[in-house]
């Protein structure tokens, strides 16, 4: 029997609507720092440390390559709990300059038959000032943290650059890397910013504000050719790397989909991988790549790594599998590296293109 029966918890949580279940689970995660014995026991059980997985990136040590994707911890409330679930790092947000409530409910749906999630949350968060206060309380917390930022819904497209400028100034001394989110489908007009001019202007501006590593997160619904052009524009303008991919708005992937919001989880796995592979073929060795989208097993993670991913992220599949999945991915990666004769993950990164 596992240390923690997530399957039992899932049966209970799945009786509630997804957003309520997330809040209930979040309350449990927020309580962990106040129960150090449980905190330590969970981390000892789930957190995998092995020399073959350890990497030093941005001057920080990542004990393993599996991180939590943005969207789960929008307000930085669960940062302390993430190592206990086995994650090597976490990404908080998406954070907007001003607080916003997001889109009307219901806005989060389980596609249980497809082991996927559909969300139309709309960057609901408590704003940049709140997040700064939260991060200031973690001054001595030695764990890699990414900060995902996006524009407010009410900000018109022609003023979007101003929102990102404010956010970059706000967070330039916080976290270990920053992610520019212009790929969520749940803020009207946001994906329209996925164009060469805006990307060039944005990253040119960003490099003048901060030396933080800044990533661009892209959507899976463009052609590989368009994605490569966009990613090259970002890198040429100063982006440190690319995160691929966000949720899909291709509702043809299932008959269970709503006609709004973005789909994540198993349904986006192959779409995300194919686009990431195309980007990896073009950009591996030129920039840092992080892969996200439907990753569930060590084999899923390994093929992203061989396609060029230095790190990977999960979210939706965590909902269906629980923290044992993180442990199984990391332990499985150790075995896959050994089977291929690699002593360290760095030897496998981009192996498809070496």
Protein backbone atom coordinates (compact mmCIF):
# COMPACT_ATOMS: atom_id res chain seq x y z
CA UNK A 1 0.00 0.00 0.00
CA UNK A 2 1.31 3.46 -0.85
CA UNK A 3 2.09 6.00 1.85
CA UNK A 4 -0.88 8.08 0.79
CA UNK A 5 -3.96 6.64 -0.87
CA UNK A 6 -4.68 9.23 -3.50
CA UNK A 7 -7.25 6.94 -5.12
CA UNK A 8 -9.37 7.16 -1.97
CA UNK A 9 -9.02 10.93 -1.87
CA UNK A 10 -9.84 11.17 -5.58
CA UNK A 11 -13.09 9.26 -5.13
CA UNK A 12 -14.14 11.83 -2.55
CA UNK A 13 -12.90 14.89 -4.45
CA UNK A 14 -14.54 13.77 -7.71
CA UNK A 15 -17.91 13.96 -5.94
CA UNK A 16 -17.50 17.75 -5.98
CA UNK A 17 -17.38 20.04 -8.98
CA UNK A 18 -13.76 20.48 -10.15
CA UNK A 19 -13.25 23.99 -8.83
CA UNK A 20 -14.58 23.12 -5.38
CA UNK A 21 -12.43 19.97 -5.35
CA UNK A 22 -9.39 22.08 -6.20
CA UNK A 23 -10.13 24.38 -3.26
CA UNK A 24 -10.52 21.43 -0.90
CA UNK A 25 -7.27 19.89 -2.09
CA UNK A 26 -5.62 23.28 -1.83
CA UNK A 27 -6.64 23.60 1.81
CA UNK A 28 -4.89 20.31 2.54
CA UNK A 29 -1.75 21.47 0.73
CA UNK A 30 -1.73 24.79 2.61
CA UNK A 31 -1.93 22.94 5.91
CA UNK A 32 1.20 20.85 5.26
CA UNK A 33 3.74 23.49 6.39
CA UNK A 34 2.04 23.46 9.79
CA UNK A 35 2.50 19.70 10.15
CA UNK A 36 6.27 19.26 9.74
CA UNK A 37 6.21 15.55 10.58
CA UNK A 38 3.75 14.87 7.75
CA UNK A 39 5.64 17.26 5.47
CA UNK A 40 8.90 15.41 6.01
CA UNK A 41 7.32 11.95 5.70
CA UNK A 42 5.63 12.84 2.40
CA UNK A 43 8.79 14.30 0.94
CA UNK A 44 10.83 11.28 2.01
CA UNK A 45 8.30 9.04 0.25
CA UNK A 46 7.70 10.95 -3.00
CA UNK A 47 10.76 13.12 -3.65
CA UNK A 48 13.33 11.43 -5.88
CA UNK A 49 16.96 12.56 -5.65
CA UNK A 50 19.54 10.91 -7.86
CA UNK A 51 22.81 12.23 -9.33
CA UNK A 52 21.67 11.25 -12.83
CA UNK A 53 18.69 13.66 -12.64
CA UNK A 54 20.31 16.59 -10.85
CA UNK A 55 20.89 19.72 -12.97
CA UNK A 56 22.18 23.21 -12.26
CA UNK A 57 20.12 25.73 -14.24
CA UNK A 58 19.98 29.52 -13.89
CA UNK A 59 22.43 29.08 -11.05
CA UNK A 60 19.94 26.91 -9.12
CA UNK A 61 19.93 23.19 -8.42
CA UNK A 62 17.01 21.19 -9.83
CA UNK A 63 17.10 17.82 -8.07
CA UNK A 64 14.80 16.31 -10.68
CA UNK A 65 13.36 17.58 -13.99
CA UNK A 66 9.64 17.24 -13.21
CA UNK A 67 7.87 20.48 -12.35
CA UNK A 68 4.34 21.65 -11.69
CA UNK A 69 2.93 23.64 -14.61
CA UNK A 70 1.33 27.05 -14.14
CA UNK A 71 -2.40 27.19 -13.45
CA UNK A 72 -2.53 24.89 -10.44
CA UNK A 73 -1.04 27.35 -7.96
CA UNK A 74 -2.31 30.67 -9.26
CA UNK A 75 -1.61 32.62 -6.07
CA UNK A 76 1.54 30.93 -4.81
CA UNK A 77 -0.33 29.27 -1.94
CA UNK A 78 1.11 25.78 -2.31
CA UNK A 79 4.80 26.47 -2.98
CA UNK A 80 6.01 24.95 0.29
CA UNK A 81 3.98 21.79 -0.33
CA UNK A 82 5.25 21.05 -3.83
CA UNK A 83 8.49 19.26 -2.86
CA UNK A 84 6.44 16.94 -0.68
CA UNK A 85 4.59 15.76 -3.80
CA UNK A 86 7.89 15.01 -5.52
CA UNK A 87 8.28 18.02 -7.80
CA UNK A 88 11.77 19.28 -8.61
CA UNK A 89 10.43 22.81 -9.12
CA UNK A 90 7.16 24.69 -9.41
CA UNK A 91 5.68 27.42 -11.59
CA UNK A 92 3.15 29.81 -10.04
CA UNK A 93 0.52 31.97 -11.72
CA UNK A 94 -0.62 33.11 -14.18
CA UNK A 95 -0.32 36.47 -12.40
CA UNK A 96 -1.79 39.70 -13.79
CA UNK A 97 -0.93 43.28 -12.74
CA UNK A 98 -4.28 43.79 -11.03
CA UNK A 99 -6.44 41.18 -9.28
CA UNK A 100 -9.21 39.68 -11.38
CA UNK A 101 -11.96 37.17 -10.71
CA UNK A 102 -11.70 35.38 -14.03
CA UNK A 103 -14.53 34.11 -16.20
CA UNK A 104 -18.05 33.18 -14.99
CA UNK A 105 -18.59 29.74 -13.46
CA UNK A 106 -18.78 26.91 -14.33
CA UNK A 107 -15.35 27.23 -15.94
CA UNK A 108 -13.52 24.02 -15.04
CA UNK A 109 -14.59 20.59 -16.28
CA UNK A 110 -13.38 17.01 -16.00
CA UNK A 111 -13.39 15.04 -19.23
CA UNK A 112 -13.14 11.80 -17.28
CA UNK A 113 -13.66 9.51 -20.26
CA UNK A 114 -10.63 11.14 -21.87
CA UNK A 115 -8.52 11.57 -18.71
CA UNK A 116 -8.38 15.27 -19.49
CA UNK A 117 -9.40 18.67 -18.14
CA UNK A 118 -11.09 21.60 -19.87
CA UNK A 119 -10.76 25.03 -18.32
CA UNK A 120 -11.96 28.53 -19.07
CA UNK A 121 -10.66 30.08 -15.85
CA UNK A 122 -9.48 33.38 -17.33
CA UNK A 123 -6.41 34.18 -15.21
CA UNK A 124 -8.31 34.39 -11.91
CA UNK A 125 -5.71 35.55 -9.39
CA UNK A 126 -5.09 38.05 -6.58
CA UNK A 127 -2.71 40.23 -8.54
CA UNK A 128 0.97 41.12 -8.56
CA UNK A 129 1.11 42.98 -5.23
CA UNK A 130 -0.39 40.03 -3.38
CA UNK A 131 2.10 37.65 -5.00
CA UNK A 132 5.06 39.82 -4.02
CA UNK A 133 3.91 39.70 -0.38
CA UNK A 134 3.56 35.93 -0.66
CA UNK A 135 7.04 35.51 -2.14
CA UNK A 136 8.60 37.78 0.48
CA UNK A 137 7.48 35.31 3.13
CA UNK A 138 9.52 32.61 1.36
CA UNK A 139 12.83 34.41 1.53
CA UNK A 140 14.70 31.41 2.92
CA UNK A 141 12.87 28.82 0.81
CA UNK A 142 15.52 27.03 -1.24
CA UNK A 143 13.49 25.58 -4.10
CA UNK A 144 13.31 26.59 -7.80
CA UNK A 145 10.27 28.72 -8.62
CA UNK A 146 9.06 30.03 -11.98
CA UNK A 147 6.67 32.98 -12.26
CA UNK A 148 4.09 32.93 -15.05
CA UNK A 149 2.69 36.35 -16.04
CA UNK A 150 -0.15 37.57 -18.26
CA UNK A 151 -2.12 40.68 -19.10
CA UNK A 152 -5.39 41.69 -17.43
CA UNK A 153 -8.57 40.92 -19.34
CA UNK A 154 -9.64 44.58 -19.44
CA UNK A 155 -6.30 45.69 -20.89
CA UNK A 156 -6.77 46.33 -24.63
CA UNK A 157 -4.47 44.58 -27.06
CA UNK A 158 -2.65 47.78 -27.98
CA UNK A 159 -1.78 48.31 -24.28
CA UNK A 160 -0.76 44.72 -23.56
CA UNK A 161 2.94 45.57 -23.63
CA UNK A 162 2.36 47.95 -20.72
CA UNK A 163 0.97 45.13 -18.56
CA UNK A 164 3.97 42.92 -19.24
CA UNK A 165 6.31 45.83 -18.56
CA UNK A 166 4.70 46.38 -15.13
CA UNK A 167 4.93 42.69 -14.32
CA UNK A 168 8.56 42.39 -15.36
CA UNK A 169 9.49 45.35 -13.15
CA UNK A 170 7.51 43.83 -10.27
CA UNK A 171 9.06 40.36 -10.43
CA UNK A 172 12.56 41.07 -11.69
CA UNK A 173 14.02 40.28 -8.26
CA UNK A 174 11.81 37.26 -7.57
CA UNK A 175 11.76 33.62 -8.58
CA UNK A 176 14.27 31.82 -10.76
CA UNK A 177 12.68 32.40 -14.16
CA UNK A 178 9.73 34.26 -15.67
CA UNK A 179 7.25 32.97 -18.25
CA UNK A 180 5.43 35.21 -20.70
CA UNK A 181 1.95 33.75 -21.16
CA UNK A 182 0.27 34.88 -24.37
CA UNK A 183 -1.06 31.43 -25.22
CA UNK A 184 -4.02 30.96 -22.89
CA UNK A 185 -7.30 30.73 -24.84
CA UNK A 186 -9.32 32.17 -21.95
CA UNK A 187 -8.43 35.87 -22.20
CA UNK A 188 -10.01 37.45 -25.30
CA UNK A 189 -7.42 38.47 -27.87
CA UNK A 190 -4.47 37.07 -25.92
CA UNK A 191 -3.44 34.53 -28.55
CA UNK A 192 -3.51 37.31 -31.15
CA UNK A 193 -0.32 38.53 -29.47
CA UNK A 194 1.44 35.43 -30.78
CA UNK A 195 2.93 37.39 -33.66
CA UNK A 196 6.49 38.30 -34.58
CA UNK A 197 6.21 42.04 -33.97
CA UNK A 198 4.72 41.79 -30.50
CA UNK A 199 7.12 39.04 -29.49
CA UNK A 200 10.13 41.01 -30.71
CA UNK A 201 8.97 44.20 -28.97
CA UNK A 202 8.18 42.29 -25.77
CA UNK A 203 11.48 40.48 -25.38
CA UNK A 204 13.51 43.48 -26.50
CA UNK A 205 11.83 45.45 -23.72
CA UNK A 206 12.20 42.62 -21.21
CA UNK A 207 15.95 42.38 -21.66
CA UNK A 208 16.24 46.05 -20.72
CA UNK A 209 14.33 45.46 -17.49
CA UNK A 210 15.75 42.27 -16.05
CA UNK A 211 18.48 39.67 -16.38
CA UNK A 212 16.09 36.98 -15.23
CA UNK A 213 15.74 34.03 -17.63
CA UNK A 214 12.52 34.74 -19.53
CA UNK A 215 10.58 32.04 -21.39
CA UNK A 216 7.82 32.25 -23.97
CA UNK A 217 4.94 29.77 -23.55
CA UNK A 218 3.20 28.89 -26.80
CA UNK A 219 -0.07 27.26 -27.81
CA UNK A 220 -0.29 23.87 -29.53
CA UNK A 221 -2.74 25.03 -32.19
CA UNK A 222 -0.39 26.63 -34.71
CA UNK A 223 1.45 24.91 -37.50
CA UNK A 224 5.00 23.76 -36.79
CA UNK A 225 6.25 26.29 -39.35
CA UNK A 226 4.48 29.19 -37.64
CA UNK A 227 5.60 28.00 -34.19
CA UNK A 228 9.23 27.83 -35.29
CA UNK A 229 9.11 31.34 -36.77
CA UNK A 230 7.55 32.67 -33.56
CA UNK A 231 10.03 30.88 -31.32
CA UNK A 232 12.98 32.05 -33.41
CA UNK A 233 11.70 35.63 -33.14
CA UNK A 234 11.53 35.30 -29.35
CA UNK A 235 15.01 33.79 -29.06
CA UNK A 236 16.54 36.35 -31.41
CA UNK A 237 14.98 39.12 -29.30
CA UNK A 238 16.44 37.73 -26.07
CA UNK A 239 14.17 34.94 -24.80
CA UNK A 240 16.04 32.44 -22.65
CA UNK A 241 13.83 29.59 -23.80
CA UNK A 242 10.50 28.19 -24.93
CA UNK A 243 7.78 26.30 -23.04
CA UNK A 244 5.56 24.17 -25.26
CA UNK A 245 2.65 23.80 -25.00
CA UNK A 246 -0.38 25.38 -23.41
CA UNK A 247 -3.94 23.99 -23.74
CA UNK A 248 -5.61 23.25 -27.07
CA UNK A 249 -8.79 24.75 -28.51
CA UNK A 250 -9.11 21.91 -31.01
CA UNK A 251 -12.44 20.60 -29.77
CA UNK A 252 -12.53 17.90 -32.42
CA UNK A 253 -10.22 15.78 -30.25
CA UNK A 254 -13.23 14.52 -28.27
CA UNK A 255 -17.00 14.40 -28.41
CA UNK A 256 -17.08 15.34 -24.72
CA UNK A 257 -15.61 18.83 -25.12
CA UNK A 258 -17.34 22.13 -24.42
CA UNK A 259 -17.09 24.75 -27.16
CA UNK A 260 -15.01 27.13 -25.05
CA UNK A 261 -11.87 27.04 -22.92
CA UNK A 262 -8.71 25.00 -23.34
CA UNK A 263 -8.21 21.24 -23.13
CA UNK A 264 -5.28 19.68 -21.30
CA UNK A 265 -4.34 16.18 -20.23
CA UNK A 266 -4.23 12.97 -22.24
CA UNK A 267 -6.10 14.50 -25.19
CA UNK A 268 -3.33 17.01 -25.86
CA UNK A 269 -0.44 14.56 -25.39
CA UNK A 270 0.30 13.75 -29.03
CA UNK A 271 -0.50 17.22 -30.36
CA UNK A 272 1.83 18.76 -27.80
CA UNK A 273 4.59 16.22 -28.46
CA UNK A 274 4.50 16.62 -32.23
CA UNK A 275 4.76 20.40 -32.03
CA UNK A 276 7.47 20.18 -29.38
CA UNK A 277 9.43 17.73 -31.52
CA UNK A 278 9.33 20.14 -34.47
CA UNK A 279 10.51 22.99 -32.26
CA UNK A 280 13.19 20.78 -30.73
CA UNK A 281 14.53 19.79 -34.12
CA UNK A 282 14.93 23.47 -35.03
CA UNK A 283 15.95 25.01 -31.72
CA UNK A 284 17.73 22.35 -29.68
CA UNK A 285 21.19 23.67 -28.85
CA UNK A 286 20.13 27.26 -29.55
CA UNK A 287 17.89 27.81 -26.53
CA UNK A 288 16.46 26.03 -23.50
CA UNK A 289 13.27 24.04 -24.00
CA UNK A 290 10.65 22.95 -21.47
CA UNK A 291 7.90 20.52 -22.49
CA UNK A 292 4.40 20.26 -21.05
CA UNK A 293 1.17 18.68 -22.24
CA UNK A 294 -0.34 15.32 -21.33
CA UNK A 295 2.83 13.88 -19.80
CA UNK A 296 1.90 10.93 -17.59
CA UNK A 297 4.67 8.32 -17.65
CA UNK A 298 8.45 8.14 -17.63
CA UNK A 299 8.27 7.15 -21.29
CA UNK A 300 6.26 10.30 -22.07
CA UNK A 301 8.82 12.42 -20.26
CA UNK A 302 11.79 10.63 -21.82
CA UNK A 303 10.71 11.19 -25.40
CA UNK A 304 10.26 14.91 -24.65
CA UNK A 305 13.76 14.94 -23.14
CA UNK A 306 15.25 13.19 -26.16
CA UNK A 307 13.42 15.71 -28.36
CA UNK A 308 15.21 18.54 -26.54
CA UNK A 309 13.48 19.20 -23.21
CA UNK A 310 15.75 20.14 -20.33
CA UNK A 311 12.75 20.14 -17.99
CA UNK A 312 9.19 18.87 -18.20
CA UNK A 313 5.97 19.93 -16.47
CA UNK A 314 2.70 18.25 -15.51
CA UNK A 315 -0.67 19.38 -14.21
CA UNK A 316 -3.80 17.65 -15.49
CA UNK A 317 -2.45 14.12 -15.27
CA UNK A 318 -1.58 14.83 -11.62
CA UNK A 319 -5.32 15.22 -11.00
CA UNK A 320 -5.97 11.73 -12.32
CA UNK A 321 -2.92 9.95 -10.90
CA UNK A 322 -1.82 11.79 -7.76
CA UNK A 323 1.75 12.34 -6.52
CA UNK A 324 2.81 8.74 -7.08
CA UNK A 325 2.96 9.69 -10.76
CA UNK A 326 5.77 12.18 -10.09
CA UNK A 327 7.76 9.54 -8.23
CA UNK A 328 7.14 6.96 -10.96
CA UNK A 329 8.24 9.38 -13.70
CA UNK A 330 11.48 10.22 -11.93
CA UNK A 331 12.28 6.62 -10.99
CA UNK A 332 11.41 5.53 -14.51
CA UNK A 333 13.69 8.17 -16.01
CA UNK A 334 16.60 6.83 -13.97
CA UNK A 335 15.97 3.35 -15.38
CA UNK A 336 15.57 4.61 -18.97
CA UNK A 337 18.80 6.60 -18.78
CA UNK A 338 20.65 3.57 -17.47
CA UNK A 339 19.15 1.30 -20.14
CA UNK A 340 20.44 3.62 -22.85
CA UNK A 341 23.87 3.81 -21.28
CA UNK A 342 23.59 7.40 -20.09
CA UNK A 343 25.15 8.46 -16.81
CA UNK A 344 23.31 11.77 -16.63
CA UNK A 345 20.13 13.33 -18.02
CA UNK A 346 22.18 15.92 -19.91
CA UNK A 347 23.40 13.14 -22.22
CA UNK A 348 19.82 12.29 -23.19
CA UNK A 349 18.58 15.85 -23.70
CA UNK A 350 18.25 16.36 -27.45
CA UNK A 351 19.48 12.84 -28.22
CA UNK A 352 17.13 12.71 -31.22
CA UNK A 353 19.11 15.55 -32.83
CA UNK A 354 22.68 14.70 -31.83
